[in-house]
PDB file of N, CA and C in Angstrom:
ATOM      1  N   MET A   1     109.662 111.551  75.136  1.00  0.00           N
ATOM      2  CA  MET A   1     108.868 112.553  75.815  1.00  0.00           C
ATOM      3  C   MET A   1     107.498 112.689  75.170  1.00  0.00           C
ATOM      4  N   LYS A   2     107.456 112.652  73.831  1.00  0.00           N
ATOM      5  CA  LYS A   2     106.194 112.775  73.125  1.00  0.00           C
ATOM      6  C   LYS A   2     105.290 111.575  73.404  1.00  0.00           C
ATOM      7  N   LYS A   3     105.893 110.405  73.536  1.00  0.00           N
ATOM      8  CA  LYS A   3     105.088 109.209  73.795  1.00  0.00           C
ATOM      9  C   LYS A   3     104.459 109.265  75.183  1.00  0.00           C
ATOM     10  N   ILE A   4     105.197 109.771  76.153  1.00  0.00           N
ATOM     11  CA  ILE A   4     104.661 109.877  77.511  1.00  0.00           C
ATOM     12  C   ILE A   4     103.526 110.893  77.546  1.00  0.00           C
ATOM     13  N   PHE A   5     103.714 112.004  76.851  1.00  0.00           N
ATOM     14  CA  PHE A   5     102.664 113.026  76.792  1.00  0.00           C
ATOM     15  C   PHE A   5     101.414 112.474  76.103  1.00  0.00           C
ATOM     16  N   ALA A   6     101.611 111.784  74.984  1.00  0.00           N
ATOM     17  CA  ALA A   6     100.474 111.217  74.249  1.00  0.00           C
ATOM     18  C   ALA A   6      99.759 110.165  75.088  1.00  0.00           C
ATOM     19  N   LEU A   7     100.513 109.349  75.808  1.00  0.00           N
ATOM     20  CA  LEU A   7      99.915 108.324  76.658  1.00  0.00           C
ATOM     21  C   LEU A   7      99.147 108.963  77.814  1.00  0.00           C
ATOM     22  N   THR A   8      99.679 110.031  78.369  1.00  0.00           N
ATOM     23  CA  THR A   8      98.991 110.736  79.455  1.00  0.00           C
ATOM     24  C   THR A   8      97.683 111.352  78.962  1.00  0.00           C
ATOM     25  N   VAL A   9      97.727 111.995  77.811  1.00  0.00           N
ATOM     26  CA  VAL A   9      96.512 112.603  77.253  1.00  0.00           C
ATOM     27  C   VAL A   9      95.483 111.541  76.934  1.00  0.00           C
ATOM     28  N   LEU A  10      95.910 110.429  76.350  1.00  0.00           N
ATOM     29  CA  LEU A  10      94.999 109.332  76.023  1.00  0.00           C
ATOM     30  C   LEU A  10      94.372 108.744  77.277  1.00  0.00           C
ATOM     31  N   THR A  11      95.144 108.617  78.335  1.00  0.00           N
ATOM     32  CA  THR A  11      94.613 108.102  79.599  1.00  0.00           C
ATOM     33  C   THR A  11      93.590 109.052  80.195  1.00  0.00           C
ATOM     34  N   LEU A  12      93.868 110.339  80.170  1.00  0.00           N
ATOM     35  CA  LEU A  12      92.918 111.322  80.702  1.00  0.00           C
ATOM     36  C   LEU A  12      91.632 111.353  79.891  1.00  0.00           C
ATOM     37  N   VAL A  13      91.738 111.226  78.577  1.00  0.00           N
ATOM     38  CA  VAL A  13      90.536 111.188  77.739  1.00  0.00           C
ATOM     39  C   VAL A  13      89.717 109.940  78.046  1.00  0.00           C
ATOM     40  N   ALA A  14      90.378 108.806  78.211  1.00  0.00           N
ATOM     41  CA  ALA A  14      89.665 107.568  78.538  1.00  0.00           C
ATOM     42  C   ALA A  14      88.974 107.679  79.893  1.00  0.00           C
ATOM     43  N   LEU A  15      89.644 108.269  80.865  1.00  0.00           N
ATOM     44  CA  LEU A  15      89.019 108.454  82.177  1.00  0.00           C
ATOM     45  C   LEU A  15      87.812 109.384  82.088  1.00  0.00           C
ATOM     46  N   ALA A  16      87.931 110.427  81.291  1.00  0.00           N
ATOM     47  CA  ALA A  16      86.817 111.361  81.150  1.00  0.00           C
ATOM     48  C   ALA A  16      85.632 110.716  80.452  1.00  0.00           C
ATOM     49  N   LEU A  17      85.901 109.815  79.515  1.00  0.00           N
ATOM     50  CA  LEU A  17      84.806 109.160  78.801  1.00  0.00           C
ATOM     51  C   LEU A  17      84.127 108.081  79.633  1.00  0.00           C
ATOM     52  N   PHE A  18      84.870 107.397  80.484  1.00  0.00           N
ATOM     53  CA  PHE A  18      84.294 106.299  81.256  1.00  0.00           C
ATOM     54  C   PHE A  18      83.802 106.711  82.633  1.00  0.00           C
ATOM     55  N   ALA A  19      84.066 107.934  83.051  1.00  0.00           N
ATOM     56  CA  ALA A  19      83.609 108.390  84.365  1.00  0.00           C
ATOM     57  C   ALA A  19      82.088 108.401  84.490  1.00  0.00           C
ATOM     58  N   PRO A  20      81.330 108.865  83.489  1.00  0.00           N
ATOM     59  CA  PRO A  20      79.872 108.830  83.643  1.00  0.00           C
ATOM     60  C   PRO A  20      79.312 107.413  83.787  1.00  0.00           C
ATOM     61  N   ILE A  21      79.942 106.465  83.153  1.00  0.00           N
ATOM     62  CA  ILE A  21      79.488 105.072  83.270  1.00  0.00           C
ATOM     63  C   ILE A  21      79.768 104.553  84.670  1.00  0.00           C
ATOM     64  N   ALA A  22      80.922 104.897  85.212  1.00  0.00           N
ATOM     65  CA  ALA A  22      81.287 104.407  86.536  1.00  0.00           C
ATOM     66  C   ALA A  22      80.426 105.022  87.632  1.00  0.00           C
ATOM     67  N   PHE A  23      80.037 106.263  87.469  1.00  0.00           N
ATOM     68  CA  PHE A  23      79.266 106.942  88.503  1.00  0.00           C
ATOM     69  C   PHE A  23      77.770 106.993  88.203  1.00  0.00           C
ATOM     70  N   ALA A  24      77.327 106.238  87.222  1.00  0.00           N
ATOM     71  CA  ALA A  24      75.914 106.253  86.844  1.00  0.00           C
ATOM     72  C   ALA A  24      75.069 105.627  87.944  1.00  0.00           C
ATOM     73  N   GLU A  25      73.866 106.131  88.088  1.00  0.00           N
ATOM     74  CA  GLU A  25      72.920 105.563  89.030  1.00  0.00           C
ATOM     75  C   GLU A  25      71.577 105.443  88.328  1.00  0.00           C
ATOM     76  N   GLU A  26      70.688 104.731  88.946  1.00  0.00           N
ATOM     77  CA  GLU A  26      69.397 104.499  88.329  1.00  0.00           C
ATOM     78  C   GLU A  26      68.624 105.810  88.217  1.00  0.00           C
ATOM     79  N   ALA A  27      67.834 105.898  87.157  1.00  0.00           N
ATOM     80  CA  ALA A  27      67.054 107.113  86.921  1.00  0.00           C
ATOM     81  C   ALA A  27      65.947 107.234  87.955  1.00  0.00           C
ATOM     82  N   LYS A  28      65.722 108.434  88.408  1.00  0.00           N
ATOM     83  CA  LYS A  28      64.669 108.706  89.374  1.00  0.00           C
ATOM     84  C   LYS A  28      63.573 109.498  88.676  1.00  0.00           C
ATOM     85  N   ALA A  29      62.358 109.274  89.078  1.00  0.00           N
ATOM     86  CA  ALA A  29      61.221 109.945  88.452  1.00  0.00           C
ATOM     87  C   ALA A  29      60.823 111.185  89.248  1.00  0.00           C
ATOM     88  N   VAL A  30      61.789 111.920  89.720  1.00  0.00           N
ATOM     89  CA  VAL A  30      61.509 113.113  90.506  1.00  0.00           C
ATOM     90  C   VAL A  30      61.751 114.332  89.622  1.00  0.00           C
ATOM     91  N   ALA A  31      60.761 115.201  89.522  1.00  0.00           N
ATOM     92  CA  ALA A  31      60.862 116.365  88.646  1.00  0.00           C
ATOM     93  C   ALA A  31      61.889 117.370  89.152  1.00  0.00           C
ATOM     94  N   SER A  32      62.068 117.442  90.463  1.00  0.00           N
ATOM     95  CA  SER A  32      63.019 118.422  90.996  1.00  0.00           C
ATOM     96  C   SER A  32      64.448 118.074  90.609  1.00  0.00           C
ATOM     97  N   ASP A  33      64.756 116.780  90.500  1.00  0.00           N
ATOM     98  CA  ASP A  33      66.090 116.397  90.052  1.00  0.00           C
ATOM     99  C   ASP A  33      66.316 116.812  88.606  1.00  0.00           C
ATOM    100  N   ALA A  34      65.275 116.708  87.795  1.00  0.00           N
ATOM    101  CA  ALA A  34      65.397 117.121  86.398  1.00  0.00           C
ATOM    102  C   ALA A  34      65.620 118.623  86.307  1.00  0.00           C
ATOM    103  N   LYS A  35      64.893 119.379  87.133  1.00  0.00           N
ATOM    104  CA  LYS A  35      65.070 120.832  87.134  1.00  0.00           C
ATOM    105  C   LYS A  35      66.469 121.205  87.592  1.00  0.00           C
ATOM    106  N   LEU A  36      66.935 120.566  88.639  1.00  0.00           N
ATOM    107  CA  LEU A  36      68.262 120.857  89.157  1.00  0.00           C
ATOM    108  C   LEU A  36      69.328 120.500  88.131  1.00  0.00           C
ATOM    109  N   SER A  37      69.156 119.377  87.483  1.00  0.00           N
ATOM    110  CA  SER A  37      70.111 118.963  86.461  1.00  0.00           C
ATOM    111  C   SER A  37      70.112 119.944  85.293  1.00  0.00           C
ATOM    112  N   TYR A  38      68.919 120.362  84.859  1.00  0.00           N
ATOM    113  CA  TYR A  38      68.833 121.308  83.747  1.00  0.00           C
ATOM    114  C   TYR A  38      69.506 122.623  84.099  1.00  0.00           C
ATOM    115  N   TYR A  39      69.171 123.170  85.249  1.00  0.00           N
ATOM    116  CA  TYR A  39      69.729 124.478  85.599  1.00  0.00           C
ATOM    117  C   TYR A  39      71.224 124.392  85.880  1.00  0.00           C
ATOM    118  N   GLY A  40      71.682 123.284  86.417  1.00  0.00           N
ATOM    119  CA  GLY A  40      73.118 123.108  86.621  1.00  0.00           C
ATOM    120  C   GLY A  40      73.869 123.077  85.299  1.00  0.00           C
ATOM    121  N   MET A  41      73.342 122.314  84.356  1.00  0.00           N
ATOM    122  CA  MET A  41      73.978 122.249  83.037  1.00  0.00           C
ATOM    123  C   MET A  41      73.844 123.585  82.302  1.00  0.00           C
ATOM    124  N   ALA A  42      72.715 124.279  82.486  1.00  0.00           N
ATOM    125  CA  ALA A  42      72.531 125.578  81.838  1.00  0.00           C
ATOM    126  C   ALA A  42      73.549 126.582  82.356  1.00  0.00           C
ATOM    127  N   VAL A  43      73.784 126.582  83.649  1.00  0.00           N
ATOM    128  CA  VAL A  43      74.755 127.518  84.221  1.00  0.00           C
ATOM    129  C   VAL A  43      76.165 127.197  83.723  1.00  0.00           C
ATOM    130  N   LEU A  44      76.522 125.928  83.699  1.00  0.00           N
ATOM    131  CA  LEU A  44      77.848 125.556  83.201  1.00  0.00           C
ATOM    132  C   LEU A  44      78.003 125.903  81.725  1.00  0.00           C
ATOM    133  N   GLY A  45      76.984 125.592  80.933  1.00  0.00           N
ATOM    134  CA  GLY A  45      77.044 125.898  79.506  1.00  0.00           C
ATOM    135  C   GLY A  45      77.094 127.389  79.234  1.00  0.00           C
ATOM    136  N   CYS A  46      76.327 128.152  80.001  1.00  0.00           N
ATOM    137  CA  CYS A  46      76.317 129.606  79.808  1.00  0.00           C
ATOM    138  C   CYS A  46      77.649 130.226  80.207  1.00  0.00           C
ATOM    139  N   GLY A  47      78.222 129.745  81.276  1.00  0.00           N
ATOM    140  CA  GLY A  47      79.534 130.248  81.680  1.00  0.00           C
ATOM    141  C   GLY A  47      80.592 129.966  80.627  1.00  0.00           C
ATOM    142  N   LEU A  48      80.565 128.754  80.095  1.00  0.00           N
ATOM    143  CA  LEU A  48      81.510 128.391  79.043  1.00  0.00           C
ATOM    144  C   LEU A  48      81.266 129.219  77.782  1.00  0.00           C
ATOM    145  N   ALA A  49      79.998 129.400  77.423  1.00  0.00           N
ATOM    146  CA  ALA A  49      79.672 130.131  76.200  1.00  0.00           C
ATOM    147  C   ALA A  49      80.104 131.592  76.282  1.00  0.00           C
ATOM    148  N   ILE A  50      79.806 132.256  77.381  1.00  0.00           N
ATOM    149  CA  ILE A  50      80.165 133.676  77.469  1.00  0.00           C
ATOM    150  C   ILE A  50      81.674 133.832  77.627  1.00  0.00           C
ATOM    151  N   GLY A  51      82.320 132.865  78.251  1.00  0.00           N
ATOM    152  CA  GLY A  51      83.780 132.911  78.350  1.00  0.00           C
ATOM    153  C   GLY A  51      84.447 132.772  76.995  1.00  0.00           C
ATOM    154  N   LEU A  52      83.962 131.825  76.183  1.00  0.00           N
ATOM    155  CA  LEU A  52      84.524 131.662  74.843  1.00  0.00           C
ATOM    156  C   LEU A  52      84.204 132.857  73.960  1.00  0.00           C
ATOM    157  N   ALA A  53      83.006 133.417  74.118  1.00  0.00           N
ATOM    158  CA  ALA A  53      82.653 134.600  73.332  1.00  0.00           C
ATOM    159  C   ALA A  53      83.554 135.774  73.704  1.00  0.00           C
ATOM    160  N   GLY A  54      83.793 135.960  74.988  1.00  0.00           N
ATOM    161  CA  GLY A  54      84.682 137.033  75.422  1.00  0.00           C
ATOM    162  C   GLY A  54      86.110 136.820  74.949  1.00  0.00           C
ATOM    163  N   LEU A  55      86.559 135.572  75.002  1.00  0.00           N
ATOM    164  CA  LEU A  55      87.910 135.265  74.540  1.00  0.00           C
ATOM    165  C   LEU A  55      88.043 135.519  73.046  1.00  0.00           C
ATOM    166  N   GLY A  56      87.078 135.053  72.276  1.00  0.00           N
ATOM    167  CA  GLY A  56      87.147 135.223  70.829  1.00  0.00           C
ATOM    168  C   GLY A  56      87.058 136.670  70.402  1.00  0.00           C
ATOM    169  N   THR A  57      86.151 137.408  71.008  1.00  0.00           N
ATOM    170  CA  THR A  57      86.032 138.816  70.622  1.00  0.00           C
ATOM    171  C   THR A  57      87.238 139.625  71.094  1.00  0.00           C
ATOM    172  N   GLY A  58      87.797 139.265  72.231  1.00  0.00           N
ATOM    173  CA  GLY A  58      88.997 139.951  72.702  1.00  0.00           C
ATOM    174  C   GLY A  58      90.178 139.723  71.770  1.00  0.00           C
ATOM    175  N   ILE A  59      90.335 138.487  71.320  1.00  0.00           N
ATOM    176  CA  ILE A  59      91.418 138.194  70.372  1.00  0.00           C
ATOM    177  C   ILE A  59      91.170 138.920  69.053  1.00  0.00           C
ATOM    178  N   GLY A  60      89.917 138.912  68.590  1.00  0.00           N
ATOM    179  CA  GLY A  60      89.599 139.602  67.338  1.00  0.00           C
ATOM    180  C   GLY A  60      89.859 141.096  67.412  1.00  0.00           C
ATOM    181  N   MET A  61      89.493 141.700  68.530  1.00  0.00           N
ATOM    182  CA  MET A  61      89.732 143.138  68.690  1.00  0.00           C
ATOM    183  C   MET A  61      91.223 143.440  68.764  1.00  0.00           C
ATOM    184  N   GLY A  62      91.956 142.578  69.436  1.00  0.00           N
ATOM    185  CA  GLY A  62      93.401 142.788  69.526  1.00  0.00           C
ATOM    186  C   GLY A  62      94.086 142.693  68.179  1.00  0.00           C
ATOM    187  N   VAL A  63      93.664 141.721  67.372  1.00  0.00           N
ATOM    188  CA  VAL A  63      94.249 141.578  66.031  1.00  0.00           C
ATOM    189  C   VAL A  63      93.893 142.787  65.173  1.00  0.00           C
ATOM    190  N   GLY A  64      92.645 143.241  65.266  1.00  0.00           N
ATOM    191  CA  GLY A  64      92.238 144.412  64.491  1.00  0.00           C
ATOM    192  C   GLY A  64      92.984 145.671  64.902  1.00  0.00           C
ATOM    193  N   LEU A  65      93.147 145.861  66.190  1.00  0.00           N
ATOM    194  CA  LEU A  65      93.868 147.036  66.682  1.00  0.00           C
ATOM    195  C   LEU A  65      95.341 146.987  66.283  1.00  0.00           C
ATOM    196  N   ARG A  66      95.923 145.796  66.321  1.00  0.00           N
ATOM    197  CA  ARG A  66      97.316 145.660  65.892  1.00  0.00           C
ATOM    198  C   ARG A  66      97.466 146.042  64.420  1.00  0.00           C
ATOM    199  N   GLY A  67      96.521 145.557  63.604  1.00  0.00           N
ATOM    200  CA  GLY A  67      96.580 145.900  62.174  1.00  0.00           C
ATOM    201  C   GLY A  67      96.405 147.383  61.929  1.00  0.00           C
ATOM    202  N   ALA A  68      95.504 147.992  62.694  1.00  0.00           N
ATOM    203  CA  ALA A  68      95.280 149.433  62.519  1.00  0.00           C
ATOM    204  C   ALA A  68      96.506 150.236  62.936  1.00  0.00           C
ATOM    205  N   THR A  69      97.128 149.879  64.037  1.00  0.00           N
ATOM    206  CA  THR A  69      98.311 150.629  64.474  1.00  0.00           C
ATOM    207  C   THR A  69      99.477 150.437  63.501  1.00  0.00           C
ATOM    208  N   GLU A  70      99.598 149.240  62.948  1.00  0.00           N
ATOM    209  CA  GLU A  70     100.646 149.027  61.947  1.00  0.00           C
ATOM    210  C   GLU A  70     100.368 149.848  60.685  1.00  0.00           C
ATOM    211  N   GLY A  71      99.089 149.923  60.301  1.00  0.00           N
ATOM    212  CA  GLY A  71      98.735 150.713  59.123  1.00  0.00           C
ATOM    213  C   GLY A  71      98.994 152.183  59.319  1.00  0.00           C
ATOM    214  N   VAL A  72      98.670 152.706  60.512  1.00  0.00           N
ATOM    215  CA  VAL A  72      98.922 154.118  60.792  1.00  0.00           C
ATOM    216  C   VAL A  72     100.426 154.386  60.868  1.00  0.00           C
ATOM    217  N   ALA A  73     101.183 153.422  61.392  1.00  0.00           N
ATOM    218  CA  ALA A  73     102.636 153.600  61.475  1.00  0.00           C
ATOM    219  C   ALA A  73     103.265 153.645  60.094  1.00  0.00           C
ATOM    220  N   ARG A  74     102.713 152.866  59.162  1.00  0.00           N
ATOM    221  CA  ARG A  74     103.276 152.861  57.811  1.00  0.00           C
ATOM    222  C   ARG A  74     102.838 154.081  57.003  1.00  0.00           C
ATOM    223  N   ASN A  75     101.581 154.502  57.205  1.00  0.00           N
ATOM    224  CA  ASN A  75     101.054 155.621  56.424  1.00  0.00           C
ATOM    225  C   ASN A  75     100.247 156.537  57.339  1.00  0.00           C
ATOM    226  N   PRO A  76     100.906 157.471  58.002  1.00  0.00           N
ATOM    227  CA  PRO A  76     100.193 158.353  58.932  1.00  0.00           C
ATOM    228  C   PRO A  76      99.129 159.221  58.274  1.00  0.00           C
ATOM    229  N   GLY A  77      99.237 159.458  56.981  1.00  0.00           N
ATOM    230  CA  GLY A  77      98.257 160.277  56.289  1.00  0.00           C
ATOM    231  C   GLY A  77      96.898 159.611  56.168  1.00  0.00           C
ATOM    232  N   ALA A  78      96.855 158.293  56.251  1.00  0.00           N
ATOM    233  CA  ALA A  78      95.599 157.551  56.111  1.00  0.00           C
ATOM    234  C   ALA A  78      94.982 157.207  57.462  1.00  0.00           C
ATOM    235  N   SER A  79      95.422 157.882  58.513  1.00  0.00           N
ATOM    236  CA  SER A  79      94.952 157.519  59.853  1.00  0.00           C
ATOM    237  C   SER A  79      93.459 157.750  60.029  1.00  0.00           C
ATOM    238  N   GLY A  80      92.889 158.754  59.357  1.00  0.00           N
ATOM    239  CA  GLY A  80      91.455 159.008  59.475  1.00  0.00           C
ATOM    240  C   GLY A  80      90.615 157.869  58.925  1.00  0.00           C
ATOM    241  N   LYS A  81      90.961 157.386  57.727  1.00  0.00           N
ATOM    242  CA  LYS A  81      90.226 156.274  57.118  1.00  0.00           C
ATOM    243  C   LYS A  81      90.439 154.976  57.912  1.00  0.00           C
ATOM    244  N   ILE A  82      91.659 154.774  58.366  1.00  0.00           N
ATOM    245  CA  ILE A  82      91.954 153.553  59.136  1.00  0.00           C
ATOM    246  C   ILE A  82      91.178 153.564  60.445  1.00  0.00           C
ATOM    247  N   THR A  83      91.134 154.713  61.109  1.00  0.00           N
ATOM    248  CA  THR A  83      90.418 154.811  62.379  1.00  0.00           C
ATOM    249  C   THR A  83      88.925 154.565  62.187  1.00  0.00           C
ATOM    250  N   THR A  84      88.357 155.128  61.140  1.00  0.00           N
ATOM    251  CA  THR A  84      86.933 154.919  60.866  1.00  0.00           C
ATOM    252  C   THR A  84      86.634 153.448  60.620  1.00  0.00           C
ATOM    253  N   THR A  85      87.444 152.820  59.803  1.00  0.00           N
ATOM    254  CA  THR A  85      87.264 151.402  59.521  1.00  0.00           C
ATOM    255  C   THR A  85      87.465 150.566  60.784  1.00  0.00           C
ATOM    256  N   LEU A  86      88.429 150.949  61.608  1.00  0.00           N
ATOM    257  CA  LEU A  86      88.681 150.224  62.858  1.00  0.00           C
ATOM    258  C   LEU A  86      87.476 150.310  63.791  1.00  0.00           C
ATOM    259  N   ILE A  87      86.904 151.487  63.933  1.00  0.00           N
ATOM    260  CA  ILE A  87      85.760 151.654  64.836  1.00  0.00           C
ATOM    261  C   ILE A  87      84.576 150.823  64.355  1.00  0.00           C
ATOM    262  N   ILE A  88      84.320 150.825  63.064  1.00  0.00           N
ATOM    263  CA  ILE A  88      83.220 150.021  62.517  1.00  0.00           C
ATOM    264  C   ILE A  88      83.493 148.531  62.737  1.00  0.00           C
ATOM    265  N   GLY A  89      84.714 148.108  62.495  1.00  0.00           N
ATOM    266  CA  GLY A  89      85.072 146.701  62.699  1.00  0.00           C
ATOM    267  C   GLY A  89      84.957 146.284  64.151  1.00  0.00           C
ATOM    268  N   LEU A  90      85.410 147.135  65.070  1.00  0.00           N
ATOM    269  CA  LEU A  90      85.298 146.816  66.497  1.00  0.00           C
ATOM    270  C   LEU A  90      83.843 146.743  66.941  1.00  0.00           C
ATOM    271  N   ALA A  91      82.992 147.597  66.372  1.00  0.00           N
ATOM    272  CA  ALA A  91      81.569 147.537  66.700  1.00  0.00           C
ATOM    273  C   ALA A  91      80.954 146.223  66.218  1.00  0.00           C
ATOM    274  N   MET A  92      81.354 145.760  65.042  1.00  0.00           N
ATOM    275  CA  MET A  92      80.850 144.480  64.528  1.00  0.00           C
ATOM    276  C   MET A  92      81.322 143.318  65.406  1.00  0.00           C
ATOM    277  N   ILE A  93      82.572 143.360  65.824  1.00  0.00           N
ATOM    278  CA  ILE A  93      83.094 142.293  66.679  1.00  0.00           C
ATOM    279  C   ILE A  93      82.392 142.306  68.033  1.00  0.00           C
ATOM    280  N   GLU A  94      82.176 143.496  68.572  1.00  0.00           N
ATOM    281  CA  GLU A  94      81.515 143.609  69.872  1.00  0.00           C
ATOM    282  C   GLU A  94      80.067 143.133  69.798  1.00  0.00           C
ATOM    283  N   SER A  95      79.438 143.304  68.637  1.00  0.00           N
ATOM    284  CA  SER A  95      78.060 142.824  68.505  1.00  0.00           C
ATOM    285  C   SER A  95      77.991 141.307  68.648  1.00  0.00           C
ATOM    286  N   LEU A  96      79.035 140.595  68.259  1.00  0.00           N
ATOM    287  CA  LEU A  96      79.056 139.141  68.448  1.00  0.00           C
ATOM    288  C   LEU A  96      79.031 138.783  69.926  1.00  0.00           C
ATOM    289  N   ALA A  97      79.756 139.528  70.741  1.00  0.00           N
ATOM    290  CA  ALA A  97      79.742 139.280  72.182  1.00  0.00           C
ATOM    291  C   ALA A  97      78.372 139.603  72.770  1.00  0.00           C
ATOM    292  N   ILE A  98      77.729 140.643  72.267  1.00  0.00           N
ATOM    293  CA  ILE A  98      76.392 140.994  72.759  1.00  0.00           C
ATOM    294  C   ILE A  98      75.384 139.930  72.360  1.00  0.00           C
ATOM    295  N   TYR A  99      75.493 139.402  71.144  1.00  0.00           N
ATOM    296  CA  TYR A  99      74.607 138.306  70.729  1.00  0.00           C
ATOM    297  C   TYR A  99      74.806 137.089  71.622  1.00  0.00           C
ATOM    298  N   ALA A 100      76.051 136.769  71.948  1.00  0.00           N
ATOM    299  CA  ALA A 100      76.319 135.645  72.843  1.00  0.00           C
ATOM    300  C   ALA A 100      75.714 135.887  74.215  1.00  0.00           C
ATOM    301  N   LEU A 101      75.799 137.119  74.706  1.00  0.00           N
ATOM    302  CA  LEU A 101      75.204 137.450  75.996  1.00  0.00           C
ATOM    303  C   LEU A 101      73.688 137.289  75.960  1.00  0.00           C
ATOM    304  N   VAL A 102      73.057 137.705  74.884  1.00  0.00           N
ATOM    305  CA  VAL A 102      71.605 137.559  74.756  1.00  0.00           C
ATOM    306  C   VAL A 102      71.206 136.090  74.766  1.00  0.00           C
ATOM    307  N   VAL A 103      71.936 135.266  74.032  1.00  0.00           N
ATOM    308  CA  VAL A 103      71.632 133.832  74.006  1.00  0.00           C
ATOM    309  C   VAL A 103      71.834 133.216  75.386  1.00  0.00           C
ATOM    310  N   VAL A 104      72.885 133.601  76.073  1.00  0.00           N
ATOM    311  CA  VAL A 104      73.151 133.086  77.417  1.00  0.00           C
ATOM    312  C   VAL A 104      72.021 133.481  78.372  1.00  0.00           C
ATOM    313  N   LEU A 105      71.569 134.718  78.302  1.00  0.00           N
ATOM    314  CA  LEU A 105      70.481 135.148  79.184  1.00  0.00           C
ATOM    315  C   LEU A 105      69.182 134.440  78.862  1.00  0.00           C
ATOM    316  N   ILE A 106      68.925 134.169  77.591  1.00  0.00           N
ATOM    317  CA  ILE A 106      67.727 133.411  77.224  1.00  0.00           C
ATOM    318  C   ILE A 106      67.789 132.006  77.793  1.00  0.00           C
ATOM    319  N   VAL A 107      68.935 131.364  77.662  1.00  0.00           N
ATOM    320  CA  VAL A 107      69.082 130.002  78.193  1.00  0.00           C
ATOM    321  C   VAL A 107      68.952 129.990  79.711  1.00  0.00           C
ATOM    322  N   LEU A 108      69.520 130.978  80.377  1.00  0.00           N
ATOM    323  CA  LEU A 108      69.454 131.018  81.843  1.00  0.00           C
ATOM    324  C   LEU A 108      68.046 131.262  82.362  1.00  0.00           C
ATOM    325  N   PHE A 109      67.318 132.170  81.714  1.00  0.00           N
ATOM    326  CA  PHE A 109      66.041 132.560  82.264  1.00  0.00           C
ATOM    327  C   PHE A 109      64.841 131.932  81.583  1.00  0.00           C
ATOM    328  N   ALA A 110      65.050 131.108  80.585  1.00  0.00           N
ATOM    329  CA  ALA A 110      63.933 130.372  79.991  1.00  0.00           C
ATOM    330  C   ALA A 110      63.502 129.286  80.964  1.00  0.00           C
ATOM    331  N   ASN A 111      62.236 129.017  81.021  1.00  0.00           N
ATOM    332  CA  ASN A 111      61.718 128.011  81.963  1.00  0.00           C
ATOM    333  C   ASN A 111      61.074 126.880  81.155  1.00  0.00           C
ATOM    334  N   PRO A 112      61.834 125.812  80.871  1.00  0.00           N
ATOM    335  CA  PRO A 112      61.257 124.722  80.084  1.00  0.00           C
ATOM    336  C   PRO A 112      60.282 123.867  80.889  1.00  0.00           C
ATOM    337  N   PHE A 113      60.218 124.048  82.191  1.00  0.00           N
ATOM    338  CA  PHE A 113      59.356 123.222  83.036  1.00  0.00           C
ATOM    339  C   PHE A 113      58.022 123.888  83.319  1.00  0.00           C
ATOM    340  N   LYS A 114      57.787 125.037  82.717  1.00  0.00           N
ATOM    341  CA  LYS A 114      56.535 125.751  82.933  1.00  0.00           C
ATOM    342  C   LYS A 114      55.405 125.008  82.209  1.00  0.00           C
ATOM    343  N   LEU A 115      54.305 124.825  82.892  1.00  0.00           N
ATOM    344  CA  LEU A 115      53.173 124.098  82.293  1.00  0.00           C
ATOM    345  C   LEU A 115      52.272 124.991  81.530  1.00  0.00           C
TER     346      LEU A 115
END
């Protein structure tokens, strides 16, 4: 079973690597194609970037909240300090998502073709 899975993954990777060669066409000297290609790749990259940022920060917040609830369950008297630390930590994690959003918006709205 492992060999079939490994062979399938290897085949898919090979197809993904050789697909651009198979579908390649001659370069065109049209500026609009370059703009379209840039903005298409920018949109795909930005979508992937903000998705990964959201996924990572969501996982980080979940792990932090789990730790805080376990800490409060073990020592209810320390809930004030734990809550304060949790809020500060969640704000730091959320700032990473905001930074990713800022970078994504810069990439989307920057105009590299402006003369």
